[in-house]
Amino acid sequence: MAADQGVPAGNSESEALATAIGLYALGECTLGQAAERAGISRYRMRDILDELGFDVHLGGPRNVDEIHEEL
């Protein structure tokens, strides 16, 4: 991931961001938790995930089926 794509250039920063993205992609953490782990704002994390093609969800059920699953 290159710095020109909005990803921090520092090695440890890049590793923290990569870990946060991986955990988010696996559903192991929320957007806010991923951002905190990466040391960036939720808004920046959302933008990075969007730029990388991830389906960014902001919590809660996304459709009727998920609502029924939570009940």
N, C-alpha and C. Protein backbone atom coordinates (compact mmCIF):
# COMPACT_ATOMS: atom_id res chain seq x y z
N MET A 1 0.84 -1.19 0.00
CA MET A 1 0.00 0.00 0.00
C MET A 1 0.88 1.24 0.00
N ALA A 2 0.65 2.09 -0.90
CA ALA A 2 1.50 3.26 -1.05
C ALA A 2 0.91 4.46 -0.32
N ALA A 3 1.81 5.36 0.06
CA ALA A 3 1.38 6.56 0.76
C ALA A 3 0.48 7.42 -0.11
N ASP A 4 0.65 7.35 -1.43
CA ASP A 4 -0.19 8.17 -2.30
C ASP A 4 -1.64 7.67 -2.35
N GLN A 5 -1.89 6.51 -1.80
CA GLN A 5 -3.26 5.99 -1.71
C GLN A 5 -3.90 6.33 -0.37
N GLY A 6 -3.27 7.21 0.38
CA GLY A 6 -3.85 7.62 1.65
C GLY A 6 -3.46 6.74 2.82
N VAL A 7 -2.51 5.86 2.62
CA VAL A 7 -2.06 4.96 3.66
C VAL A 7 -0.78 5.50 4.26
N PRO A 8 -0.68 5.55 5.59
CA PRO A 8 0.53 6.07 6.22
C PRO A 8 1.77 5.34 5.73
N ALA A 9 2.86 6.08 5.52
CA ALA A 9 4.07 5.52 4.94
C ALA A 9 4.97 4.82 5.94
N GLY A 10 4.93 5.21 7.23
CA GLY A 10 5.80 4.61 8.23
C GLY A 10 5.55 3.12 8.39
N ASN A 11 6.60 2.33 8.58
CA ASN A 11 6.47 0.89 8.64
C ASN A 11 5.55 0.43 9.75
N SER A 12 5.75 0.89 10.97
CA SER A 12 4.89 0.45 12.07
C SER A 12 3.47 0.98 11.89
N GLU A 13 3.33 2.18 11.32
CA GLU A 13 2.00 2.72 11.04
C GLU A 13 1.30 1.88 9.98
N SER A 14 2.03 1.48 8.96
CA SER A 14 1.46 0.65 7.90
C SER A 14 1.05 -0.71 8.44
N GLU A 15 1.87 -1.27 9.31
CA GLU A 15 1.54 -2.56 9.90
C GLU A 15 0.30 -2.46 10.78
N ALA A 16 0.20 -1.39 11.55
CA ALA A 16 -0.98 -1.20 12.41
C ALA A 16 -2.22 -1.03 11.56
N LEU A 17 -2.12 -0.29 10.47
CA LEU A 17 -3.24 -0.10 9.58
C LEU A 17 -3.63 -1.41 8.90
N ALA A 18 -2.66 -2.15 8.44
CA ALA A 18 -2.94 -3.44 7.79
C ALA A 18 -3.62 -4.40 8.75
N THR A 19 -3.16 -4.43 9.98
CA THR A 19 -3.78 -5.28 11.00
C THR A 19 -5.21 -4.85 11.25
N ALA A 20 -5.42 -3.55 11.37
CA ALA A 20 -6.76 -3.02 11.62
C ALA A 20 -7.69 -3.35 10.46
N ILE A 21 -7.21 -3.21 9.23
CA ILE A 21 -8.03 -3.53 8.06
C ILE A 21 -8.38 -5.02 8.06
N GLY A 22 -7.41 -5.85 8.36
CA GLY A 22 -7.65 -7.29 8.40
C GLY A 22 -8.69 -7.67 9.45
N LEU A 23 -8.56 -7.11 10.64
CA LEU A 23 -9.52 -7.41 11.70
C LEU A 23 -10.92 -6.93 11.33
N TYR A 24 -10.99 -5.75 10.72
CA TYR A 24 -12.28 -5.22 10.29
C TYR A 24 -12.89 -6.13 9.22
N ALA A 25 -12.07 -6.53 8.25
CA ALA A 25 -12.56 -7.38 7.16
C ALA A 25 -13.08 -8.72 7.67
N LEU A 26 -12.46 -9.23 8.72
CA LEU A 26 -12.89 -10.49 9.31
C LEU A 26 -14.08 -10.33 10.25
N GLY A 27 -14.48 -9.09 10.50
CA GLY A 27 -15.59 -8.85 11.40
C GLY A 27 -15.21 -8.94 12.86
N GLU A 28 -13.91 -8.88 13.13
CA GLU A 28 -13.41 -9.01 14.49
C GLU A 28 -13.43 -7.70 15.26
N CYS A 29 -13.63 -6.59 14.56
CA CYS A 29 -13.70 -5.29 15.23
C CYS A 29 -14.58 -4.35 14.43
N THR A 30 -15.03 -3.32 15.08
CA THR A 30 -15.86 -2.31 14.43
C THR A 30 -14.98 -1.32 13.69
N LEU A 31 -15.62 -0.46 12.93
CA LEU A 31 -14.89 0.60 12.24
C LEU A 31 -14.13 1.47 13.23
N GLY A 32 -14.80 1.86 14.32
CA GLY A 32 -14.16 2.69 15.34
C GLY A 32 -12.98 1.99 16.00
N GLN A 33 -13.13 0.70 16.29
CA GLN A 33 -12.04 -0.06 16.91
C GLN A 33 -10.86 -0.19 15.95
N ALA A 34 -11.16 -0.41 14.67
CA ALA A 34 -10.09 -0.51 13.67
C ALA A 34 -9.35 0.82 13.56
N ALA A 35 -10.11 1.91 13.54
CA ALA A 35 -9.48 3.23 13.45
C ALA A 35 -8.60 3.50 14.66
N GLU A 36 -9.10 3.16 15.83
CA GLU A 36 -8.31 3.37 17.05
C GLU A 36 -7.03 2.56 17.01
N ARG A 37 -7.12 1.32 16.58
CA ARG A 37 -5.94 0.45 16.49
C ARG A 37 -4.92 1.03 15.50
N ALA A 38 -5.42 1.64 14.41
CA ALA A 38 -4.53 2.21 13.40
C ALA A 38 -4.05 3.61 13.76
N GLY A 39 -4.66 4.21 14.78
CA GLY A 39 -4.25 5.54 15.20
C GLY A 39 -4.75 6.65 14.30
N ILE A 40 -5.91 6.42 13.68
CA ILE A 40 -6.49 7.42 12.79
C ILE A 40 -7.97 7.62 13.16
N SER A 41 -8.59 8.64 12.59
CA SER A 41 -10.00 8.90 12.88
C SER A 41 -10.88 7.86 12.19
N ARG A 42 -12.10 7.71 12.71
CA ARG A 42 -13.06 6.80 12.07
C ARG A 42 -13.35 7.24 10.65
N TYR A 43 -13.40 8.54 10.45
CA TYR A 43 -13.69 9.06 9.12
C TYR A 43 -12.58 8.72 8.13
N ARG A 44 -11.34 8.85 8.57
CA ARG A 44 -10.19 8.49 7.72
C ARG A 44 -10.19 6.99 7.45
N MET A 45 -10.48 6.19 8.48
CA MET A 45 -10.52 4.74 8.32
C MET A 45 -11.60 4.36 7.32
N ARG A 46 -12.76 5.00 7.43
CA ARG A 46 -13.85 4.74 6.49
C ARG A 46 -13.41 5.06 5.06
N ASP A 47 -12.73 6.18 4.89
CA ASP A 47 -12.26 6.57 3.56
C ASP A 47 -11.25 5.58 3.00
N ILE A 48 -10.33 5.13 3.84
CA ILE A 48 -9.31 4.16 3.40
C ILE A 48 -9.98 2.86 3.00
N LEU A 49 -10.90 2.37 3.82
CA LEU A 49 -11.59 1.12 3.50
C LEU A 49 -12.38 1.26 2.20
N ASP A 50 -13.01 2.40 2.02
CA ASP A 50 -13.78 2.65 0.80
C ASP A 50 -12.85 2.67 -0.41
N GLU A 51 -11.70 3.34 -0.29
CA GLU A 51 -10.73 3.40 -1.38
C GLU A 51 -10.21 2.01 -1.75
N LEU A 52 -10.14 1.13 -0.76
CA LEU A 52 -9.64 -0.23 -0.99
C LEU A 52 -10.73 -1.18 -1.47
N GLY A 53 -11.96 -0.66 -1.57
CA GLY A 53 -13.06 -1.48 -2.09
C GLY A 53 -13.84 -2.26 -1.06
N PHE A 54 -13.64 -1.96 0.22
CA PHE A 54 -14.39 -2.66 1.26
C PHE A 54 -15.79 -2.10 1.38
N ASP A 55 -16.74 -2.96 1.70
CA ASP A 55 -18.10 -2.54 1.99
C ASP A 55 -18.10 -2.02 3.42
N VAL A 56 -18.16 -0.72 3.58
CA VAL A 56 -18.08 -0.11 4.91
C VAL A 56 -19.47 -0.05 5.50
N HIS A 57 -19.62 -0.66 6.68
CA HIS A 57 -20.89 -0.62 7.39
C HIS A 57 -20.68 0.06 8.73
N LEU A 58 -21.66 0.82 9.12
CA LEU A 58 -21.51 1.65 10.32
C LEU A 58 -22.20 1.07 11.54
N GLY A 59 -22.39 -0.22 11.57
CA GLY A 59 -22.98 -0.88 12.73
C GLY A 59 -24.47 -1.07 12.59
N GLY A 60 -24.98 -1.97 13.37
CA GLY A 60 -26.40 -2.26 13.31
C GLY A 60 -26.74 -3.12 12.10
N PRO A 61 -27.95 -3.61 12.08
CA PRO A 61 -28.37 -4.45 10.96
C PRO A 61 -28.42 -3.67 9.66
N ARG A 62 -28.04 -4.34 8.56
CA ARG A 62 -28.00 -3.68 7.26
C ARG A 62 -29.22 -4.01 6.40
N ASN A 63 -30.00 -5.01 6.83
CA ASN A 63 -31.19 -5.36 6.07
C ASN A 63 -32.18 -6.09 6.99
N VAL A 64 -33.35 -6.41 6.47
CA VAL A 64 -34.41 -7.02 7.26
C VAL A 64 -33.97 -8.37 7.82
N ASP A 65 -33.27 -9.18 7.02
CA ASP A 65 -32.82 -10.49 7.48
C ASP A 65 -31.91 -10.35 8.71
N GLU A 66 -31.00 -9.37 8.70
CA GLU A 66 -30.12 -9.16 9.85
C GLU A 66 -30.91 -8.71 11.07
N ILE A 67 -31.96 -7.95 10.88
CA ILE A 67 -32.81 -7.54 12.00
C ILE A 67 -33.43 -8.78 12.64
N HIS A 68 -33.95 -9.68 11.82
CA HIS A 68 -34.55 -10.91 12.34
C HIS A 68 -33.51 -11.80 13.04
N GLU A 69 -32.30 -11.84 12.52
CA GLU A 69 -31.24 -12.63 13.15
C GLU A 69 -30.90 -12.11 14.54
N GLU A 70 -30.98 -10.79 14.72
CA GLU A 70 -30.64 -10.20 16.02
C GLU A 70 -31.73 -10.41 17.06
N LEU A 71 -32.96 -10.66 16.60
CA LEU A 71 -34.07 -10.84 17.54
C LEU A 71 -34.08 -12.16 18.21
